[in-house]
Protein backbone atom coordinates (compact mmCIF):
# COMPACT_ATOMS: atom_id res chain seq x y z
CA MET A 1 18.36 67.45 -46.30
CA SER A 2 15.18 65.72 -46.76
CA THR A 3 12.78 64.45 -44.01
CA ILE A 4 11.87 61.12 -44.56
CA ALA A 5 8.20 60.43 -44.79
CA ALA A 6 6.88 58.12 -42.48
CA GLU A 7 3.26 57.93 -41.30
CA ALA A 8 3.52 58.97 -37.64
CA ILE A 9 1.24 57.66 -34.58
CA THR A 10 1.99 60.64 -32.35
CA ASP A 11 3.23 64.30 -32.69
CA ALA A 12 6.56 64.16 -30.02
CA GLY A 13 9.35 66.47 -30.66
CA THR A 14 12.56 64.72 -31.70
CA GLY A 15 13.98 64.19 -28.29
CA GLN A 16 11.05 62.39 -27.16
CA LEU A 17 11.44 60.01 -29.90
CA VAL A 18 15.03 59.55 -29.24
CA LEU A 19 14.04 58.75 -25.20
CA ALA A 20 11.75 56.26 -26.27
CA ALA A 21 13.44 54.47 -28.19
CA VAL A 22 16.35 53.90 -25.80
CA LEU A 23 14.18 53.19 -22.97
CA GLY A 24 12.30 50.60 -25.83
CA ILE A 25 15.10 49.43 -26.33
CA ALA A 26 16.63 49.33 -22.58
CA VAL A 27 13.46 47.48 -21.56
CA VAL A 28 13.42 44.56 -24.57
CA VAL A 29 17.67 44.32 -23.42
CA LEU A 30 17.01 44.29 -19.54
CA LEU A 31 14.06 41.82 -19.83
CA ILE A 32 16.39 39.32 -21.78
CA ALA A 33 19.08 39.71 -20.64
CA TRP A 34 18.88 40.25 -16.64
CA ALA A 35 15.31 39.68 -15.96
CA LYS A 36 15.67 36.21 -18.36
CA TRP A 37 12.34 37.02 -20.12
CA HIS A 38 11.14 35.22 -23.43
CA PRO A 39 11.85 37.29 -25.97
CA PHE A 40 8.47 37.33 -27.31
CA LEU A 41 6.87 38.93 -23.75
CA ALA A 42 10.08 41.12 -23.77
CA LEU A 43 9.64 42.49 -27.14
CA ILE A 44 5.96 42.67 -26.50
CA THR A 45 6.56 44.80 -23.04
CA GLY A 46 9.27 47.38 -25.17
CA SER A 47 6.73 47.72 -27.80
CA GLY A 48 3.95 49.23 -25.01
CA VAL A 49 7.30 50.90 -23.36
CA LEU A 50 8.08 53.11 -26.81
CA GLY A 51 4.26 53.73 -27.37
CA LEU A 52 4.29 55.49 -24.27
CA VAL A 53 7.00 57.75 -23.89
CA ALA A 54 6.18 58.73 -27.16
CA GLY A 55 2.99 59.66 -26.61
CA ALA A 56 1.10 57.63 -28.75
CA ALA A 57 -2.11 56.56 -27.82
CA PRO A 58 -2.37 53.11 -26.44
CA GLY A 59 -5.15 51.86 -28.80
CA ALA A 60 -2.82 53.40 -32.01
CA THR A 61 0.14 51.55 -30.14
CA ILE A 62 -1.83 48.18 -30.24
CA ASP A 63 -2.85 48.48 -33.52
CA SER A 64 0.64 49.44 -34.47
CA PHE A 65 2.34 46.57 -32.86
CA THR A 66 -0.13 43.90 -34.20
CA THR A 67 -0.33 45.24 -38.08
CA GLY A 68 3.58 44.25 -37.67
CA LEU A 69 3.05 41.58 -36.24
CA GLY A 70 0.72 40.41 -38.38
CA THR A 71 3.03 41.83 -41.58
CA THR A 72 6.35 40.01 -40.49
CA VAL A 73 4.10 36.23 -39.78
CA GLY A 74 2.50 37.24 -43.56
CA ASN A 75 6.44 37.47 -45.17
CA VAL A 76 8.61 35.39 -43.17
CA GLY A 77 6.54 32.88 -40.74
CA LEU A 78 5.45 30.37 -43.85
CA LEU A 79 9.15 30.69 -45.71
CA ILE A 80 10.16 29.28 -41.79
CA ALA A 81 8.26 27.02 -41.77
CA LEU A 82 8.68 25.17 -45.18
CA GLY A 83 12.07 25.69 -45.05
CA SER A 84 12.00 23.58 -41.31
CA MET A 85 10.11 21.41 -43.44
CA ILE A 86 13.05 20.55 -45.99
CA GLY A 87 15.44 20.53 -42.94
CA ALA A 88 13.69 17.88 -40.91
CA LEU A 89 13.61 15.56 -43.49
CA LEU A 90 17.11 16.11 -44.42
CA ALA A 91 18.12 15.25 -41.06
CA GLU A 92 15.24 11.87 -40.68
CA SER A 93 16.20 10.88 -43.31
CA GLY A 94 19.64 10.21 -42.75
CA GLY A 95 20.48 12.62 -46.45
CA ALA A 96 22.56 14.73 -44.21
CA ASP A 97 24.66 12.05 -42.87
CA GLY A 98 24.76 10.56 -46.35
CA ILE A 99 26.48 14.27 -47.27
CA VAL A 100 28.51 14.64 -44.12
CA ASN A 101 30.29 10.96 -44.60
CA ARG A 102 30.57 11.21 -48.58
CA ILE A 103 32.55 15.09 -48.49
CA VAL A 104 34.97 13.74 -44.94
CA ASN A 105 35.58 10.40 -46.46
CA GLY A 106 36.75 11.64 -49.60
CA VAL A 107 39.44 13.51 -48.40
CA SER A 108 41.84 13.50 -46.02
CA GLY A 109 44.66 15.36 -43.85
CA ALA A 110 45.25 19.31 -44.42
CA ALA A 111 41.95 19.08 -46.57
CA LEU A 112 39.38 17.76 -43.91
CA PRO A 113 39.16 21.65 -42.56
CA TRP A 114 38.10 22.42 -45.74
CA ALA A 115 36.14 19.74 -46.84
CA MET A 116 34.34 20.67 -42.82
CA ALA A 117 33.27 24.16 -43.78
CA GLY A 118 32.49 23.02 -47.10
CA VAL A 119 29.90 20.60 -45.86
CA ALA A 120 28.68 22.88 -43.00
CA ALA A 121 27.72 25.24 -45.33
CA LEU A 122 26.01 22.84 -47.67
CA ILE A 123 23.36 21.49 -45.23
CA GLY A 124 23.45 24.38 -43.09
CA LEU A 125 21.38 25.69 -45.87
CA PRO A 126 17.94 24.66 -45.07
CA LEU A 127 19.36 23.91 -40.99
CA PHE A 128 18.66 26.26 -38.20
CA PHE A 129 22.00 26.58 -36.47
CA GLU A 130 21.32 24.06 -33.64
CA VAL A 131 20.11 21.17 -35.86
CA GLY A 132 23.48 22.01 -38.13
CA VAL A 133 25.01 22.07 -34.45
CA VAL A 134 23.53 18.56 -33.63
CA LEU A 135 24.66 17.05 -36.76
CA LEU A 136 27.74 17.78 -37.04
CA VAL A 137 29.58 17.39 -33.72
CA PRO A 138 29.46 14.05 -33.52
CA ILE A 139 31.38 13.66 -37.03
CA VAL A 140 33.32 16.28 -36.09
CA LEU A 141 34.52 14.81 -33.05
CA LEU A 142 34.51 10.88 -34.80
CA VAL A 143 36.80 12.57 -37.09
CA ALA A 144 39.64 14.08 -34.55
CA ARG A 145 39.57 10.64 -33.14
CA ARG A 146 40.69 9.07 -35.79
CA THR A 147 42.83 11.26 -37.32
CA ASP A 148 45.85 13.81 -36.03
CA VAL A 149 43.93 16.83 -37.37
CA GLY A 150 42.96 18.34 -34.28
CA LEU A 151 39.37 19.13 -32.53
CA LEU A 152 39.40 22.68 -33.25
CA ARG A 153 41.06 22.46 -36.52
CA LEU A 154 38.08 20.49 -37.77
CA GLY A 155 35.40 22.07 -35.50
CA ILE A 156 36.04 25.84 -36.04
CA PRO A 157 35.22 25.42 -39.84
CA ALA A 158 32.12 23.26 -39.28
CA LEU A 159 30.47 26.11 -36.73
CA ALA A 160 32.01 29.25 -39.52
CA GLY A 161 29.93 27.34 -41.84
CA LEU A 162 27.03 27.16 -39.82
CA SER A 163 27.52 30.48 -38.30
CA VAL A 164 28.00 32.23 -41.79
CA LEU A 165 24.82 30.78 -43.73
CA HIS A 166 22.75 31.86 -40.80
CA GLY A 167 23.62 35.18 -40.62
CA LEU A 168 23.61 35.88 -44.08
CA VAL A 169 21.81 33.74 -46.34
CA PRO A 170 17.94 33.38 -46.50
CA PRO A 171 15.89 31.26 -46.26
CA HIS A 172 17.03 31.78 -42.72
CA PRO A 173 14.59 33.36 -40.27
CA GLY A 174 17.50 36.49 -39.30
CA PRO A 175 17.84 37.54 -43.28
CA LEU A 176 14.74 36.96 -44.13
CA VAL A 177 12.95 39.36 -41.58
CA ALA A 178 16.21 41.51 -42.75
CA ILE A 179 14.29 41.57 -46.14
CA SER A 180 11.04 41.94 -45.01
CA SER A 181 11.51 45.19 -43.17
CA LEU A 182 13.81 46.33 -45.57
CA ASN A 183 11.93 45.42 -48.77
CA ALA A 184 15.07 44.11 -49.97
CA ASP A 185 14.94 41.63 -53.43
CA LEU A 186 15.32 38.07 -51.82
CA GLY A 187 17.10 36.63 -55.05
CA LEU A 188 19.62 39.89 -54.79
CA THR A 189 20.35 39.42 -51.39
CA LEU A 190 20.66 35.76 -51.60
CA LEU A 191 23.04 36.30 -54.05
CA LEU A 192 25.23 38.51 -52.76
CA GLY A 193 25.19 36.84 -49.31
CA LEU A 194 26.63 33.93 -51.23
CA LEU A 195 29.36 36.16 -52.41
CA CYS A 196 30.24 37.40 -49.18
CA ALA A 197 29.36 33.93 -47.02
CA ILE A 198 32.64 32.16 -49.27
CA PRO A 199 35.71 34.28 -48.39
CA THR A 200 33.81 34.85 -44.70
CA VAL A 201 33.84 30.75 -44.29
CA ILE A 202 37.36 30.31 -45.50
CA ILE A 203 38.83 33.75 -42.76
CA ALA A 204 36.76 32.38 -40.19
CA GLY A 205 36.73 28.59 -40.60
CA PRO A 206 39.87 26.98 -42.08
CA VAL A 207 42.09 29.93 -41.68
CA PHE A 208 41.12 30.82 -38.07
CA GLY A 209 40.97 27.54 -37.24
CA ASN A 210 44.09 26.30 -38.10
CA PHE A 211 45.45 29.94 -36.09
CA ILE A 212 43.72 28.85 -32.68
CA ALA A 213 44.06 25.18 -33.24
CA LYS A 214 48.24 25.83 -32.07
CA ARG A 215 46.83 28.32 -29.53
CA VAL A 216 44.10 26.44 -27.82
CA PRO A 217 45.03 22.62 -27.62
CA LEU A 218 41.97 20.58 -26.46
CA PRO A 219 41.39 16.97 -26.12
CA VAL A 220 38.54 15.31 -27.96
CA PRO A 221 35.48 14.46 -25.81
CA ALA A 222 33.46 12.18 -25.24
CA LEU A 223 31.01 12.16 -28.38
CA PRO A 224 26.96 12.51 -27.39
CA GLY A 225 25.07 9.99 -26.39
CA VAL A 226 28.15 7.96 -25.62
CA SER A 227 29.42 6.66 -22.18
CA GLY A 228 33.08 5.92 -21.57
CA GLY A 229 35.62 8.28 -22.19
CA GLU A 230 39.18 8.55 -23.86
CA GLY A 231 40.05 5.03 -22.82
CA SER A 232 36.57 3.70 -23.19
CA GLY A 233 37.55 2.21 -26.57
CA ALA A 234 34.01 2.58 -27.49
CA LEU A 235 34.48 4.55 -29.75
CA SER A 236 36.62 2.67 -32.41
CA GLY A 237 34.80 0.32 -35.08
CA ALA A 238 32.44 0.21 -37.88
CA GLU A 239 29.35 -0.48 -36.18
CA ARG A 240 29.90 2.25 -33.15
CA SER A 241 30.08 5.21 -36.20
CA SER A 242 26.86 3.94 -37.75
CA ALA A 243 25.42 3.78 -34.25
CA ASP A 244 26.52 7.62 -33.69
CA ALA A 245 24.83 8.85 -37.23
CA GLU A 246 22.17 7.62 -36.07
CA ARG A 247 22.36 9.45 -32.60
CA SER A 248 23.55 12.48 -34.61
CA SER A 249 20.47 11.82 -37.28
CA ALA A 250 17.99 11.70 -34.49
CA GLY A 251 19.14 15.12 -33.08
CA ARG A 252 19.72 13.38 -29.71
CA PRO A 253 22.92 14.49 -27.26
CA ALA A 254 22.85 12.47 -24.17
CA SER A 255 22.73 15.62 -22.05
CA GLY A 256 21.26 18.97 -23.30
CA PRO A 257 23.98 21.27 -23.42
CA VAL A 258 21.79 24.53 -23.68
CA GLY A 259 18.56 22.82 -21.98
CA GLY A 260 17.07 25.32 -19.15
CA GLN A 261 18.37 28.25 -20.87
CA ASP A 262 16.25 31.39 -20.20
CA PHE A 263 15.93 32.84 -23.15
CA VAL A 264 16.42 31.72 -26.52
CA ASP A 265 19.26 33.03 -29.42
CA ARG A 266 19.94 31.21 -32.47
CA ASP A 267 16.87 30.99 -34.47
CA ASP A 268 15.77 30.49 -30.97
CA LEU A 269 15.74 26.80 -30.30
CA ALA A 270 16.26 26.60 -26.96
CA ASN A 271 16.97 23.15 -26.66
CA PRO A 272 17.92 21.40 -29.77
CA GLY A 273 17.66 17.67 -28.21
CA ALA A 274 14.20 18.01 -26.89
CA GLU A 275 12.86 19.85 -29.59
CA ARG A 276 13.83 17.86 -32.86
CA PRO A 277 10.98 16.47 -35.67
CA ALA A 278 9.62 13.44 -35.09
CA LYS A 279 11.83 10.99 -33.90
CA LEU A 280 11.37 7.99 -36.31
CA VAL A 281 15.13 6.49 -35.99
CA ASP A 282 14.47 4.05 -33.23
CA GLU A 283 11.87 2.54 -34.87
CA GLN A 284 13.13 2.46 -38.24
CA VAL A 285 16.91 1.69 -37.33
CA GLY A 286 16.55 -1.73 -38.81
CA ARG A 287 15.50 -1.05 -42.83
CA ARG A 288 16.35 2.76 -43.05
CA ARG A 289 18.21 3.70 -45.74
CA ASN A 290 20.28 6.77 -46.97
CA PRO A 291 18.52 8.15 -49.78
CA GLY A 292 21.77 8.81 -51.50
CA PHE A 293 23.81 11.73 -51.75
CA TRP A 294 23.22 13.38 -54.97
CA ALA A 295 19.15 13.71 -53.91
CA ALA A 296 19.87 15.10 -50.22
CA VAL A 297 22.69 18.16 -52.35
CA LEU A 298 20.10 18.26 -55.17
CA THR A 299 17.11 18.43 -52.23
CA VAL A 300 19.17 20.85 -50.49
CA LEU A 301 20.12 23.52 -53.65
CA LEU A 302 17.23 23.05 -55.51
CA PRO A 303 15.26 26.55 -53.90
CA VAL A 304 18.55 28.67 -53.49
CA VAL A 305 18.87 27.66 -57.27
CA LEU A 306 15.39 28.61 -58.32
CA MET A 307 15.48 32.11 -55.78
CA LEU A 308 18.94 32.58 -57.56
CA ALA A 309 18.08 31.91 -61.13
CA ARG A 310 15.06 34.58 -60.66
CA GLY A 311 17.77 37.54 -59.53
CA ILE A 312 20.29 36.76 -62.15
CA ALA A 313 17.33 37.08 -64.54
CA GLU A 314 15.69 40.25 -63.13
CA LEU A 315 19.28 41.43 -63.28
CA LEU A 316 19.77 40.55 -67.15
CA LEU A 317 16.34 40.77 -68.97
CA PRO A 318 14.07 43.25 -69.26
CA GLU A 319 10.83 43.75 -67.83
CA GLY A 320 7.98 41.86 -69.12
CA ASP A 321 10.36 39.69 -70.78
CA ALA A 322 8.74 35.88 -70.85
CA VAL A 323 11.81 34.14 -69.58
CA ARG A 324 12.56 36.94 -66.78
CA ASN A 325 8.65 36.36 -65.69
CA ALA A 326 8.85 32.20 -65.70
CA PHE A 327 11.48 33.19 -63.81
CA GLU A 328 9.99 35.47 -61.34
CA VAL A 329 7.46 32.95 -60.33
CA ILE A 330 9.53 29.78 -59.76
CA GLY A 331 11.87 31.51 -58.21
CA GLU A 332 9.80 33.39 -55.82
CA PRO A 333 10.63 32.30 -52.48
CA VAL A 334 7.04 30.19 -51.13
CA VAL A 335 7.26 28.58 -54.79
CA ALA A 336 10.84 27.51 -54.51
CA LEU A 337 10.83 26.05 -50.83
CA LEU A 338 7.52 25.00 -51.98
CA ALA A 339 9.42 22.49 -54.94
CA GLY A 340 11.85 21.75 -52.03
CA VAL A 341 9.17 20.11 -49.80
CA PHE A 342 7.55 18.26 -52.55
CA LEU A 343 10.82 17.04 -53.63
CA ALA A 344 12.22 16.37 -50.79
CA MET A 345 9.13 14.45 -49.63
CA TRP A 346 10.26 12.08 -52.65
CA ALA A 347 14.17 12.05 -52.66
CA LEU A 348 14.78 11.92 -49.10
CA GLY A 349 11.01 9.94 -47.60
CA TYR A 350 10.90 7.90 -50.46
CA ARG A 351 13.78 6.89 -50.88
CA ALA A 352 14.38 6.42 -47.28
CA GLY A 353 11.95 4.03 -46.87
CA PHE A 354 9.53 6.17 -45.06
CA ASP A 355 5.83 5.76 -46.23
CA ARG A 356 3.08 8.32 -46.48
CA LYS A 357 2.46 8.40 -42.75
CA GLU A 358 5.79 8.58 -41.93
CA THR A 359 7.09 11.54 -44.09
CA SER A 360 3.55 13.07 -42.78
CA ALA A 361 4.87 12.92 -39.11
CA VAL A 362 8.40 14.06 -40.11
CA LEU A 363 6.90 17.27 -41.64
CA GLY A 364 4.22 17.82 -39.16
CA GLY A 365 6.84 17.44 -36.15
CA ALA A 366 9.04 20.08 -37.93
CA LEU A 367 6.94 22.76 -36.96
CA PRO A 368 6.20 22.36 -33.10
CA PRO A 369 9.80 24.01 -32.51
CA VAL A 370 9.63 26.55 -35.36
CA ALA A 371 6.88 27.89 -32.90
CA GLY A 372 9.22 30.26 -30.52
CA ILE A 373 11.17 31.40 -33.60
CA LEU A 374 7.65 32.44 -35.24
CA LEU A 375 6.39 34.34 -32.13
CA ILE A 376 9.51 35.73 -31.45
CA VAL A 377 10.16 37.05 -35.45
CA ALA A 378 6.23 38.32 -35.43
CA ALA A 379 7.19 40.10 -31.79
CA GLY A 380 9.93 41.78 -33.14
CA GLY A 381 8.35 42.79 -36.46
CA GLY A 382 5.44 44.57 -34.11
CA PHE A 383 8.66 46.00 -31.89
CA LYS A 384 9.86 47.08 -35.41
CA GLN A 385 6.31 48.77 -36.64
CA VAL A 386 6.12 50.89 -33.40
CA LEU A 387 9.75 52.26 -34.05
CA VAL A 388 8.19 53.04 -37.07
CA ASP A 389 5.11 54.49 -37.12
CA ALA A 390 5.96 56.45 -33.84
CA GLY A 391 8.97 58.20 -36.15
CA VAL A 392 11.92 57.30 -34.64
CA GLY A 393 12.80 55.55 -37.44
CA ASN A 394 12.24 59.43 -39.15
CA VAL A 395 14.89 61.05 -36.65
CA ILE A 396 17.44 57.99 -36.84
CA ALA A 397 17.64 58.13 -40.73
CA ASN A 398 17.60 62.35 -40.78
CA ALA A 399 20.32 62.19 -38.11
CA ALA A 400 22.33 59.91 -40.03
CA GLN A 401 21.84 61.69 -43.34
CA ASP A 402 22.76 65.22 -41.98
CA ALA A 403 26.21 63.36 -40.15
CA ASN A 404 26.79 61.76 -43.39
CA ILE A 405 26.54 58.25 -42.05
CA ASN A 406 26.78 55.49 -43.99
CA ALA A 407 23.29 53.46 -44.01
CA LEU A 408 25.84 50.19 -43.94
CA VAL A 409 27.86 51.24 -41.41
CA LEU A 410 25.07 52.33 -39.28
CA GLY A 411 22.80 49.24 -40.00
CA TRP A 412 25.97 47.18 -38.63
CA LEU A 413 27.03 49.18 -35.52
CA VAL A 414 23.30 49.32 -34.18
CA ALA A 415 23.15 45.27 -34.63
CA VAL A 416 26.33 45.05 -33.27
CA GLY A 417 25.01 47.35 -29.82
CA ILE A 418 21.71 45.11 -30.01
CA ARG A 419 23.25 41.62 -30.42
CA VAL A 420 26.11 42.32 -27.41
CA ALA A 421 23.27 43.60 -25.20
CA THR A 422 20.80 40.85 -25.44
CA GLY A 423 22.73 37.71 -27.06
CA SER A 424 20.19 37.85 -29.59
CA ALA A 425 20.88 37.40 -33.21
CA THR A 426 17.40 37.59 -34.20
CA VAL A 427 16.45 40.68 -31.82
CA ALA A 428 19.04 42.13 -32.80
CA THR A 429 18.50 42.00 -36.68
CA ILE A 430 14.73 43.23 -36.35
CA THR A 431 15.74 45.61 -34.10
CA ALA A 432 18.35 46.98 -36.37
CA ALA A 433 16.32 46.57 -39.37
CA GLY A 434 13.50 48.90 -37.77
CA ILE A 435 16.00 51.53 -37.14
CA VAL A 436 17.49 51.30 -40.54
CA ALA A 437 14.23 51.04 -42.09
CA PRO A 438 13.30 54.61 -43.26
CA LEU A 439 17.06 55.05 -45.12
CA ALA A 440 15.94 51.77 -47.34
CA THR A 441 13.54 54.02 -49.08
CA THR A 442 15.94 56.09 -50.09
CA LEU A 443 18.36 53.66 -51.38
CA ASP A 444 18.71 51.84 -54.52
CA SER A 445 17.90 47.77 -54.55
CA PRO A 446 20.99 46.36 -54.49
CA THR A 447 22.38 48.70 -51.39
CA VAL A 448 19.36 48.05 -50.36
CA ALA A 449 20.31 44.20 -50.55
CA LEU A 450 23.74 45.14 -48.85
CA LEU A 451 22.00 47.18 -45.89
CA ALA A 452 20.32 43.75 -44.83
CA LEU A 453 23.98 41.59 -44.80
CA ALA A 454 25.48 44.65 -43.29
CA ILE A 455 23.00 43.96 -40.16
CA GLY A 456 22.85 40.27 -40.56
CA ALA A 457 26.96 40.39 -40.31
CA GLY A 458 26.22 42.89 -37.16
CA SER A 459 23.73 40.66 -35.47
CA LEU A 460 26.41 37.73 -35.34
CA PHE A 461 28.95 39.84 -33.60
CA PHE A 462 31.03 38.72 -30.33
CA SER A 463 28.84 35.96 -29.01
CA HIS A 464 29.17 35.54 -25.47
CA VAL A 465 27.68 34.27 -21.83
CA ASN A 466 23.93 35.83 -22.39
CA ASP A 467 23.85 33.87 -25.69
CA ALA A 468 22.55 30.42 -25.57
CA GLY A 469 24.95 29.01 -28.79
CA PHE A 470 27.83 30.06 -26.49
CA TRP A 471 27.00 27.57 -23.90
CA MET A 472 25.78 24.67 -26.27
CA VAL A 473 29.18 25.21 -28.00
CA LYS A 474 30.96 25.08 -24.93
CA GLU A 475 29.49 21.80 -23.67
CA TYR A 476 29.99 19.91 -26.78
CA PHE A 477 33.66 20.81 -26.99
CA GLY A 478 34.27 20.08 -23.58
CA MET A 479 35.62 23.92 -23.29
CA THR A 480 36.55 26.30 -20.10
CA VAL A 481 34.30 30.01 -20.45
CA GLY A 482 37.75 31.44 -21.18
CA GLN A 483 38.57 28.74 -24.12
CA THR A 484 34.98 29.29 -25.76
CA ILE A 485 35.83 32.92 -26.01
CA LYS A 486 38.88 32.16 -27.05
CA THR A 487 37.88 30.26 -30.07
CA TRP A 488 34.13 30.88 -30.24
CA SER A 489 33.60 34.30 -29.59
CA VAL A 490 36.42 35.84 -31.51
CA MET A 491 35.25 33.61 -34.47
CA GLU A 492 31.86 35.06 -34.73
CA THR A 493 33.21 38.53 -34.10
CA ILE A 494 35.68 37.53 -37.40
CA ILE A 495 32.69 36.47 -38.98
CA SER A 496 30.78 39.83 -38.22
CA VAL A 497 33.83 41.80 -39.41
CA VAL A 498 34.70 39.96 -42.84
CA GLY A 499 31.34 40.29 -43.43
CA PHE A 500 30.82 43.78 -43.31
CA ALA A 501 34.30 44.03 -45.21
CA CYS A 502 32.87 41.94 -47.89
CA VAL A 503 29.77 44.04 -48.01
CA MET A 504 31.27 47.52 -48.03
CA LEU A 505 33.62 46.36 -50.71
CA LEU A 506 30.51 45.09 -53.00
CA SER A 507 28.79 48.25 -52.55
CA LEU A 508 31.81 49.68 -54.29
CA PHE A 509 30.90 47.49 -57.23
CA PHE A 510 26.66 48.47 -57.06
């Protein structure tokens, strides 16, 4: 097999490079999982260990790391910031509540789990996982109390919808990092990601939810922020429902279910209750109104539609075509998300009764919570660059080629290993993408897009006690550790396996 060319900062042999990679990754894993370091510091330290063991000069290692850090922030940071602004306005304006209530109130009985999965997937497009959970859990608990459908039959589909979108569909940070690292086509990855997301949500959501609900019976706990238990009567009545909706849109659970975690996962927001955007609800509750169902839906879908249109145009129209050129501009991720922000300012902010100062406060308040995400993603980009520049990626790629290991399988397996060890989907995505990046240069555009999705699917495998999301779900649903493993952990594993199976199936046609 031919060697994949890459600029190396060291002339170390294969054995030394493999040792450097193993020790560098081990340092990151141990510092996050055992020493409870923040992933940002762990990735910086792991990069230094990798460079030193590989025999690279300290200055060259630093230059490599900072180059990767800057490139990653430039490619991904702006998109994360714009996406968080749309999500903040969706939450603070009541637009997310409007979507949830409209869909849930329109169905009943056996259709409720399917509606819950659909609404979770819809609002999960622009929202980070934790924010989506904060918005959806009060609705899930309220509906479960008022119906005989069952808590897990409603809760599992909602969690599945949020989690699948988080791992497979841009503009979430994980998929964006994989796309940037592998130089994948964003529009095509978005299209293929949505194709994989649909069956994955169905199987891991309503299908698994119906199965596990019969085996893990759960009482419905009190809603976050509401005192009193099952017999209190505090949750009956339209006025309580309205108050709960206000709490959920404000993102204020009474007890921070993951507060105090020593590391961050799921886009690395450790305490959604404490780090939500500006809280305007308490001051505006008397005059705030829901901006409307279709206004919220259009705002959520506009960036996705624009990026999808670009991907379709690039597939169907020849280069140089005027229509294709137009779609390539408006479907550029920055342009599409910026258009979404502008639409959200009017359709969500203005229509919800926010004046210009309040809208600006919500947009500005969306940025501090994502600072941690940006730092972790940036440090991960630096770690990835040191891996590549040291030549580790070439060693892995050549070994995979010589052993005839499918690139999609390799990407998924590496992401699974890092995910289980660290508990961080973001770290798993970044590391796996850096390791298999040299392989991507030998693949065609559709296969590179599928490789990004394979890594995203692997990054969701078996969430357990080293994942902040595990404890968040456990506390919100009032489960024991064993029950959380049987429900949440198994659901995440199903998402990973089914998502990867879908990727492999699509690879037969592309």
